[in-house]
C-alpha atoms as a PDB file:
ATOM      1  CA  MET A   1     -30.944 -57.175 -79.865  1.00  0.00           C
ATOM      2  CA  VAL A   2     -27.055 -58.740 -80.101  1.00  0.00           C
ATOM      3  CA  LEU A   3     -27.978 -60.025 -83.523  1.00  0.00           C
ATOM      4  CA  PHE A   4     -29.135 -56.643 -84.798  1.00  0.00           C
ATOM      5  CA  ILE A   5     -25.948 -55.416 -83.780  1.00  0.00           C
ATOM      6  CA  TYR A   6     -24.204 -58.081 -85.445  1.00  0.00           C
ATOM      7  CA  GLY A   7     -26.162 -57.987 -88.910  1.00  0.00           C
ATOM      8  CA  THR A   8     -26.354 -54.267 -89.329  1.00  0.00           C
ATOM      9  CA  VAL A   9     -23.141 -53.298 -88.606  1.00  0.00           C
ATOM     10  CA  SER A  10     -20.464 -55.997 -89.326  1.00  0.00           C
ATOM     11  CA  ALA A  11     -21.653 -58.196 -91.881  1.00  0.00           C
ATOM     12  CA  CYS A  12     -25.189 -57.499 -92.923  1.00  0.00           C
ATOM     13  CA  SER A  13     -24.883 -57.885 -96.677  1.00  0.00           C
ATOM     14  CA  ALA A  14     -22.205 -60.240 -96.435  1.00  0.00           C
ATOM     15  CA  MET A  15     -24.341 -62.875 -94.498  1.00  0.00           C
ATOM     16  CA  GLU A  16     -26.857 -63.230 -97.413  1.00  0.00           C
ATOM     17  CA  SER A  17     -24.356 -62.447-100.500  1.00  0.00           C
ATOM     18  CA  ALA A  18     -20.559 -64.155 -99.122  1.00  0.00           C
ATOM     19  CA  GLY A  19     -21.061 -66.590 -96.578  1.00  0.00           C
ATOM     20  CA  ALA A  20     -19.407 -66.128 -93.182  1.00  0.00           C
ATOM     21  CA  LYS A  21     -16.547 -64.597 -94.249  1.00  0.00           C
ATOM     22  CA  ASP A  22     -16.608 -61.974 -91.952  1.00  0.00           C
ATOM     23  CA  ILE A  23     -17.922 -63.533 -89.037  1.00  0.00           C
ATOM     24  CA  PRO A  24     -14.899 -64.130 -86.470  1.00  0.00           C
ATOM     25  CA  GLU A  25     -14.007 -67.893 -85.753  1.00  0.00           C
ATOM     26  CA  ASP A  26     -14.904 -68.302 -82.169  1.00  0.00           C
ATOM     27  CA  ALA A  27     -18.554 -67.010 -83.337  1.00  0.00           C
ATOM     28  CA  GLU A  28     -19.023 -70.076 -86.070  1.00  0.00           C
ATOM     29  CA  ARG A  29     -17.701 -72.257 -84.040  1.00  0.00           C
ATOM     30  CA  ARG A  30     -19.929 -71.935 -81.388  1.00  0.00           C
ATOM     31  CA  GLY A  31     -22.692 -71.561 -83.662  1.00  0.00           C
ATOM     32  CA  LEU A  32     -23.095 -68.471 -84.801  1.00  0.00           C
ATOM     33  CA  GLY A  33     -23.247 -67.931 -88.462  1.00  0.00           C
ATOM     34  CA  THR A  34     -24.609 -71.254 -89.983  1.00  0.00           C
ATOM     35  CA  PRO A  35     -26.610 -70.331 -93.026  1.00  0.00           C
ATOM     36  CA  ALA A  36     -30.041 -71.335 -91.230  1.00  0.00           C
ATOM     37  CA  THR A  37     -29.006 -68.394 -88.397  1.00  0.00           C
ATOM     38  CA  ARG A  38     -28.022 -66.289 -90.604  1.00  0.00           C
ATOM     39  CA  ALA A  39     -31.126 -66.519 -92.677  1.00  0.00           C
ATOM     40  CA  GLY A  40     -33.027 -66.373 -89.490  1.00  0.00           C
ATOM     41  CA  ILE A  41     -31.208 -62.995 -88.295  1.00  0.00           C
ATOM     42  CA  ILE A  42     -31.606 -61.538 -92.178  1.00  0.00           C
ATOM     43  CA  GLU A  43     -35.616 -61.911 -91.731  1.00  0.00           C
ATOM     44  CA  LYS A  44     -35.978 -61.115 -88.072  1.00  0.00           C
ATOM     45  CA  LEU A  45     -33.677 -57.604 -88.662  1.00  0.00           C
ATOM     46  CA  ILE A  46     -36.065 -56.897 -92.140  1.00  0.00           C
ATOM     47  CA  SER A  47     -39.632 -57.605 -90.110  1.00  0.00           C
ATOM     48  CA  THR A  48     -38.495 -55.430 -87.297  1.00  0.00           C
ATOM     49  CA  GLY A  49     -37.537 -52.498 -89.337  1.00  0.00           C
ATOM     50  CA  PHE A  50     -34.037 -52.361 -88.288  1.00  0.00           C
ATOM     51  CA  VAL A  51     -32.882 -53.326 -91.849  1.00  0.00           C
ATOM     52  CA  GLU A  52     -33.857 -52.763 -95.718  1.00  0.00           C
ATOM     53  CA  ARG A  53     -33.755 -55.441 -98.149  1.00  0.00           C
ATOM     54  CA  LYS A  54     -32.906 -53.479-101.749  1.00  0.00           C
ATOM     55  CA  LYS A  55     -33.219 -54.998-104.628  1.00  0.00           C
ATOM     56  CA  GLY A  56     -30.677 -54.238-107.690  1.00  0.00           C
ATOM     57  CA  LYS A  57     -30.394 -55.633-110.770  1.00  0.00           C
ATOM     58  CA  LYS A  58     -28.176 -58.607-109.769  1.00  0.00           C
ATOM     59  CA  ASN A  59     -27.695 -58.451-106.565  1.00  0.00           C
ATOM     60  CA  VAL A  60     -29.668 -58.255-102.982  1.00  0.00           C
ATOM     61  CA  HIS A  61     -28.387 -55.585-100.825  1.00  0.00           C
ATOM     62  CA  LEU A  62     -29.068 -55.385 -97.182  1.00  0.00           C
ATOM     63  CA  VAL A  63     -28.497 -51.728 -95.910  1.00  0.00           C
ATOM     64  CA  PRO A  64     -29.379 -50.760 -92.027  1.00  0.00           C
ATOM     65  CA  ALA A  65     -32.710 -48.263 -91.954  1.00  0.00           C
ATOM     66  CA  HIS A  66     -32.587 -45.461 -89.555  1.00  0.00           C
ATOM     67  CA  THR A  67     -33.828 -47.192 -86.722  1.00  0.00           C
ATOM     68  CA  GLY A  68     -30.731 -49.330 -86.889  1.00  0.00           C
ATOM     69  CA  ILE A  69     -28.380 -46.781 -87.096  1.00  0.00           C
ATOM     70  CA  SER A  70     -29.902 -45.176 -83.943  1.00  0.00           C
ATOM     71  CA  LEU A  71     -30.300 -48.292 -82.359  1.00  0.00           C
ATOM     72  CA  ILE A  72     -26.285 -49.523 -82.378  1.00  0.00           C
ATOM     73  CA  THR A  73     -25.682 -45.473 -81.563  1.00  0.00           C
ATOM     74  CA  VAL A  74     -26.992 -46.248 -77.966  1.00  0.00           C
ATOM     75  CA  LEU A  75     -26.294 -49.799 -77.249  1.00  0.00           C
ATOM     76  CA  PRO A  76     -23.662 -50.615 -75.015  1.00  0.00           C
ATOM     77  CA  GLU A  77     -20.146 -51.911 -76.741  1.00  0.00           C
ATOM     78  CA  GLN A  78     -20.373 -55.331 -74.989  1.00  0.00           C
ATOM     79  CA  LEU A  79     -23.892 -55.855 -76.832  1.00  0.00           C
ATOM     80  CA  GLN A  80     -22.659 -54.831 -80.233  1.00  0.00           C
ATOM     81  CA  SER A  81     -20.258 -57.953 -80.109  1.00  0.00           C
ATOM     82  CA  PRO A  82     -21.393 -61.012 -81.533  1.00  0.00           C
ATOM     83  CA  LEU A  83     -19.348 -63.241 -79.500  1.00  0.00           C
ATOM     84  CA  LEU A  84     -21.637 -62.477 -76.116  1.00  0.00           C
ATOM     85  CA  THR A  85     -24.153 -64.058 -78.867  1.00  0.00           C
ATOM     86  CA  ALA A  86     -22.340 -66.814 -79.843  1.00  0.00           C
ATOM     87  CA  GLU A  87     -21.273 -67.344 -76.171  1.00  0.00           C
ATOM     88  CA  TRP A  88     -25.558 -67.610 -75.110  1.00  0.00           C
ATOM     89  CA  GLU A  89     -25.976 -69.850 -78.471  1.00  0.00           C
ATOM     90  CA  SER A  90     -23.428 -71.982 -77.164  1.00  0.00           C
ATOM     91  CA  LYS A  91     -24.621 -72.604 -73.182  1.00  0.00           C
ATOM     92  CA  LEU A  92     -28.098 -73.678 -74.404  1.00  0.00           C
ATOM     93  CA  LYS A  93     -26.732 -76.260 -76.400  1.00  0.00           C
ATOM     94  CA  MET A  94     -24.958 -77.101 -72.942  1.00  0.00           C
ATOM     95  CA  VAL A  95     -28.333 -76.627 -71.386  1.00  0.00           C
ATOM     96  CA  GLU A  96     -30.025 -78.772 -74.103  1.00  0.00           C
ATOM     97  CA  ARG A  97     -27.045 -81.564 -73.579  1.00  0.00           C
ATOM     98  CA  GLY A  98     -27.868 -81.691 -69.711  1.00  0.00           C
ATOM     99  CA  GLU A  99     -24.201 -79.966 -69.259  1.00  0.00           C
ATOM    100  CA  MET A 100     -25.737 -77.029 -67.509  1.00  0.00           C
ATOM    101  CA  SER A 101     -28.941 -76.491 -65.947  1.00  0.00           C
ATOM    102  CA  GLU A 102     -31.263 -73.739 -67.205  1.00  0.00           C
ATOM    103  CA  ASP A 103     -31.316 -71.857 -63.718  1.00  0.00           C
ATOM    104  CA  THR A 104     -27.381 -71.305 -64.047  1.00  0.00           C
ATOM    105  CA  PHE A 105     -27.700 -70.347 -67.459  1.00  0.00           C
ATOM    106  CA  MET A 106     -30.456 -67.991 -66.580  1.00  0.00           C
ATOM    107  CA  SER A 107     -28.445 -66.261 -63.537  1.00  0.00           C
ATOM    108  CA  GLU A 108     -25.740 -65.744 -65.778  1.00  0.00           C
ATOM    109  CA  ILE A 109     -28.224 -63.832 -68.005  1.00  0.00           C
ATOM    110  CA  ALA A 110     -29.336 -61.873 -65.267  1.00  0.00           C
ATOM    111  CA  LEU A 111     -26.323 -60.945 -63.615  1.00  0.00           C
ATOM    112  CA  THR A 112     -25.013 -59.616 -66.934  1.00  0.00           C
ATOM    113  CA  VAL A 113     -28.325 -57.510 -67.745  1.00  0.00           C
ATOM    114  CA  ASN A 114     -27.892 -56.601 -64.212  1.00  0.00           C
ATOM    115  CA  GLU A 115     -24.482 -55.474 -64.204  1.00  0.00           C
ATOM    116  CA  LEU A 116     -24.977 -53.426 -67.623  1.00  0.00           C
ATOM    117  CA  THR A 117     -28.016 -51.591 -66.087  1.00  0.00           C
ATOM    118  CA  ARG A 118     -25.952 -50.411 -63.278  1.00  0.00           C
ATOM    119  CA  THR A 119     -22.754 -49.010 -65.349  1.00  0.00           C
ATOM    120  CA  TYR A 120     -24.771 -48.124 -68.416  1.00  0.00           C
ATOM    121  CA  SER A 121     -25.158 -44.171 -68.831  1.00  0.00           C
ATOM    122  CA  VAL A 122     -27.497 -42.717 -70.897  1.00  0.00           C
ATOM    123  CA  ILE A 123     -26.127 -41.112 -73.822  1.00  0.00           C
ATOM    124  CA  LYS A 124     -26.743 -37.654 -74.535  1.00  0.00           C
ATOM    125  CA  GLY A 125     -28.510 -36.536 -77.216  1.00  0.00           C
ATOM    126  CA  ALA A 126     -29.956 -40.043 -77.477  1.00  0.00           C
ATOM    127  CA  GLU A 127     -33.800 -38.251 -77.973  1.00  0.00           C
ATOM    128  CA  ALA A 128     -32.005 -37.097 -81.468  1.00  0.00           C
ATOM    129  CA  VAL A 129     -31.843 -40.412 -82.860  1.00  0.00           C
ATOM    130  CA  PHE A 130     -34.639 -41.945 -81.558  1.00  0.00           C
ATOM    131  CA  PRO A 131     -37.528 -39.062 -82.076  1.00  0.00           C
ATOM    132  CA  SER A 132     -40.736 -39.573 -80.326  1.00  0.00           C
ATOM    133  CA  GLY A 133     -42.691 -38.884 -83.577  1.00  0.00           C
ATOM    134  CA  ARG A 134     -45.406 -37.159 -81.428  1.00  0.00           C
ATOM    135  CA  ASP A 135     -46.298 -33.175 -82.835  1.00  0.00           C
ATOM    136  CA  VAL A 136     -43.671 -30.629 -81.032  1.00  0.00           C
ATOM    137  CA  ILE A 137     -45.476 -27.693 -79.326  1.00  0.00           C
ATOM    138  CA  GLY A 138     -42.953 -25.576 -78.712  1.00  0.00           C
ATOM    139  CA  LYS A 139     -39.259 -25.115 -77.340  1.00  0.00           C
ATOM    140  CA  CYS A 140     -38.222 -25.743 -73.671  1.00  0.00           C
ATOM    141  CA  PRO A 141     -37.369 -22.732 -71.742  1.00  0.00           C
ATOM    142  CA  ARG A 142     -34.501 -24.554 -70.266  1.00  0.00           C
ATOM    143  CA  CYS A 143     -32.521 -26.434 -72.772  1.00  0.00           C
ATOM    144  CA  GLY A 144     -34.311 -25.223 -76.034  1.00  0.00           C
ATOM    145  CA  GLY A 145     -35.448 -28.810 -76.950  1.00  0.00           C
ATOM    146  CA  ASP A 146     -38.599 -30.155 -78.203  1.00  0.00           C
ATOM    147  CA  VAL A 147     -41.888 -29.937 -75.783  1.00  0.00           C
ATOM    148  CA  THR A 148     -44.640 -32.402 -76.667  1.00  0.00           C
ATOM    149  CA  GLU A 149     -47.502 -34.175 -75.494  1.00  0.00           C
ATOM    150  CA  SER A 150     -48.072 -36.832 -73.421  1.00  0.00           C
ATOM    151  CA  ARG A 151     -50.515 -38.552 -71.146  1.00  0.00           C
ATOM    152  CA  HIS A 152     -49.931 -36.366 -68.364  1.00  0.00           C
ATOM    153  CA  GLY A 153     -48.687 -32.966 -69.674  1.00  0.00           C
ATOM    154  CA  TYR A 154     -46.062 -31.008 -72.096  1.00  0.00           C
ATOM    155  CA  PHE A 155     -43.071 -32.568 -71.176  1.00  0.00           C
ATOM    156  CA  CYS A 156     -39.178 -31.802 -73.063  1.00  0.00           C
ATOM    157  CA  GLU A 157     -38.340 -34.436 -74.586  1.00  0.00           C
ATOM    158  CA  ARG A 158     -34.572 -34.324 -74.091  1.00  0.00           C
ATOM    159  CA  ASN A 159     -33.795 -36.532 -71.461  1.00  0.00           C
ATOM    160  CA  GLU A 160     -31.304 -34.787 -69.088  1.00  0.00           C
ATOM    161  CA  CYS A 161     -34.199 -31.750 -68.770  1.00  0.00           C
ATOM    162  CA  ARG A 162     -36.574 -32.162 -66.452  1.00  0.00           C
ATOM    163  CA  PHE A 163     -39.169 -29.278 -67.554  1.00  0.00           C
ATOM    164  CA  GLY A 164     -42.910 -30.225 -67.712  1.00  0.00           C
ATOM    165  CA  LEU A 165     -46.457 -28.590 -67.373  1.00  0.00           C
ATOM    166  CA  TRP A 166     -48.190 -31.103 -65.714  1.00  0.00           C
ATOM    167  CA  ARG A 167     -51.988 -31.700 -66.387  1.00  0.00           C
ATOM    168  CA  ASP A 168     -52.949 -32.142 -62.766  1.00  0.00           C
ATOM    169  CA  ASN A 169     -50.976 -28.759 -61.333  1.00  0.00           C
ATOM    170  CA  LYS A 170     -52.592 -27.645 -58.298  1.00  0.00           C
ATOM    171  CA  PHE A 171     -52.573 -24.186 -59.323  1.00  0.00           C
ATOM    172  CA  LEU A 172     -54.584 -24.508 -62.341  1.00  0.00           C
ATOM    173  CA  ALA A 173     -56.413 -27.439 -61.002  1.00  0.00           C
ATOM    174  CA  ASP A 174     -58.074 -25.006 -58.602  1.00  0.00           C
ATOM    175  CA  LYS A 175     -58.870 -22.344 -60.914  1.00  0.00           C
ATOM    176  CA  ARG A 176     -60.562 -24.914 -63.011  1.00  0.00           C
ATOM    177  CA  ILE A 177     -57.822 -24.242 -66.110  1.00  0.00           C
ATOM    178  CA  SER A 178     -57.128 -27.111 -68.616  1.00  0.00           C
ATOM    179  CA  LEU A 179     -54.066 -26.855 -70.579  1.00  0.00           C
ATOM    180  CA  THR A 180     -54.475 -27.257 -74.061  1.00  0.00           C
ATOM    181  CA  LYS A 181     -51.812 -27.058 -77.100  1.00  0.00           C
ATOM    182  CA  THR A 182     -52.976 -23.424 -78.504  1.00  0.00           C
ATOM    183  CA  MET A 183     -52.396 -22.937 -74.659  1.00  0.00           C
ATOM    184  CA  VAL A 184     -49.120 -24.451 -74.117  1.00  0.00           C
ATOM    185  CA  ALA A 185     -47.687 -23.329 -77.457  1.00  0.00           C
ATOM    186  CA  ALA A 186     -48.570 -19.689 -76.346  1.00  0.00           C
ATOM    187  CA  LEU A 187     -47.093 -19.809 -73.084  1.00  0.00           C
ATOM    188  CA  LEU A 188     -43.690 -21.503 -74.224  1.00  0.00           C
ATOM    189  CA  ARG A 189     -43.543 -18.525 -76.448  1.00  0.00           C
ATOM    190  CA  ASP A 190     -44.548 -15.693 -75.178  1.00  0.00           C
ATOM    191  CA  GLY A 191     -44.813 -17.161 -71.709  1.00  0.00           C
ATOM    192  CA  ARG A 192     -48.385 -15.992 -71.345  1.00  0.00           C
ATOM    193  CA  VAL A 193     -51.412 -16.846 -72.649  1.00  0.00           C
ATOM    194  CA  PRO A 194     -55.014 -15.254 -71.976  1.00  0.00           C
ATOM    195  CA  VAL A 195     -57.623 -17.508 -70.197  1.00  0.00           C
ATOM    196  CA  LYS A 196     -61.191 -16.785 -70.040  1.00  0.00           C
ATOM    197  CA  GLY A 197     -63.774 -18.203 -67.189  1.00  0.00           C
ATOM    198  CA  ILE A 198     -61.040 -18.765 -64.476  1.00  0.00           C
ATOM    199  CA  PHE A 199     -62.653 -19.743 -61.035  1.00  0.00           C
ATOM    200  CA  SER A 200     -62.568 -17.655 -58.428  1.00  0.00           C
ATOM    201  CA  GLU A 201     -62.265 -19.907 -55.051  1.00  0.00           C
ATOM    202  CA  LYS A 202     -63.318 -17.512 -52.808  1.00  0.00           C
ATOM    203  CA  THR A 203     -66.154 -15.957 -54.894  1.00  0.00           C
ATOM    204  CA  GLY A 204     -67.421 -19.053 -56.601  1.00  0.00           C
ATOM    205  CA  ARG A 205     -67.674 -16.496 -59.642  1.00  0.00           C
ATOM    206  CA  SER A 206     -65.601 -16.556 -63.072  1.00  0.00           C
ATOM    207  CA  TYR A 207     -63.220 -13.881 -64.310  1.00  0.00           C
ATOM    208  CA  ASP A 208     -60.503 -13.177 -67.243  1.00  0.00           C
ATOM    209  CA  ALA A 209     -56.654 -12.827 -67.064  1.00  0.00           C
ATOM    210  CA  ASN A 210     -53.603 -13.775 -68.273  1.00  0.00           C
ATOM    211  CA  LEU A 211     -52.049 -16.938 -67.578  1.00  0.00           C
ATOM    212  CA  VAL A 212     -48.039 -16.161 -67.114  1.00  0.00           C
ATOM    213  CA  LEU A 213     -45.614 -18.993 -66.690  1.00  0.00           C
ATOM    214  CA  THR A 214     -42.234 -18.133 -65.595  1.00  0.00           C
ATOM    215  CA  ASP A 215     -39.221 -21.320 -64.624  1.00  0.00           C
ATOM    216  CA  ASP A 216     -35.733 -20.293 -62.757  1.00  0.00           C
ATOM    217  CA  GLY A 217     -34.452 -23.575 -64.564  1.00  0.00           C
ATOM    218  CA  GLU A 218     -35.234 -25.362 -61.905  1.00  0.00           C
ATOM    219  CA  LYS A 219     -39.040 -25.304 -61.277  1.00  0.00           C
ATOM    220  CA  SER A 220     -41.875 -23.925 -63.046  1.00  0.00           C
ATOM    221  CA  LYS A 221     -44.489 -21.411 -61.793  1.00  0.00           C
ATOM    222  CA  TYR A 222     -48.022 -20.037 -62.412  1.00  0.00           C
ATOM    223  CA  SER A 223     -49.159 -16.667 -61.985  1.00  0.00           C
ATOM    224  CA  LEU A 224     -51.933 -14.496 -62.632  1.00  0.00           C
ATOM    225  CA  ASP A 225     -51.785 -10.729 -64.569  1.00  0.00           C
ATOM    226  CA  PHE A 226     -55.154  -8.902 -65.138  1.00  0.00           C
ATOM    227  CA  GLY A 227     -53.718  -6.318 -67.467  1.00  0.00           C
ATOM    228  CA  ARG A 228     -56.064  -5.314 -70.695  1.00  0.00           C
ATOM    229  CA  ASP A 229     -55.206  -7.978 -72.825  1.00  0.00           C
ATOM    230  CA  ALA A 230     -56.714 -10.843 -70.778  1.00  0.00           C
ATOM    231  CA  ARG A 231     -60.248  -9.420 -71.760  1.00  0.00           C
END
């Protein structure tokens, strides 16, 4: 991950065409930036889709792909520094020479990761740079974000929004109503959708009605309306 950050933002094309002139001296000294290391970084970035290789008439250029630009937008600054990778490379060599134990090295990695996860806050709007790719069914009634389908129901894609229509909702399950994309699209657009063959828990028979969705900004609620358009 750190290699990606350095490759795409600091010296992606320079590493291939101009050697190590843009690599911090301390990073070079600790083992990051040698020709073999740079070549490995570049090929890894390309194979994972973070960087694209553009061939010109005389030169080959490396340019960050959309996913690469998106990733660096949301990563903590500490992971964007090539010096962190250089430091880890240096300590790996110490482990190899027996100057540091594997447990000590992994403990330091664990401490770094724990600190990052403890202090890192999700960047607002991150879903815009990392779209799920799922079909948009409608707009969230709370925040206006995109609502898409997932395994357990239909949910807003904005991380800070908690809107969702669960498949296993008790109100729907008791009446044997199964939400479909078409139904959810109508609920999000109009707040209601006609449903036929609703099961009555009291009589065991079925009936038709409008399924109505209301949301107060914190909780969604279903109800039934027996207007004429339900038939």
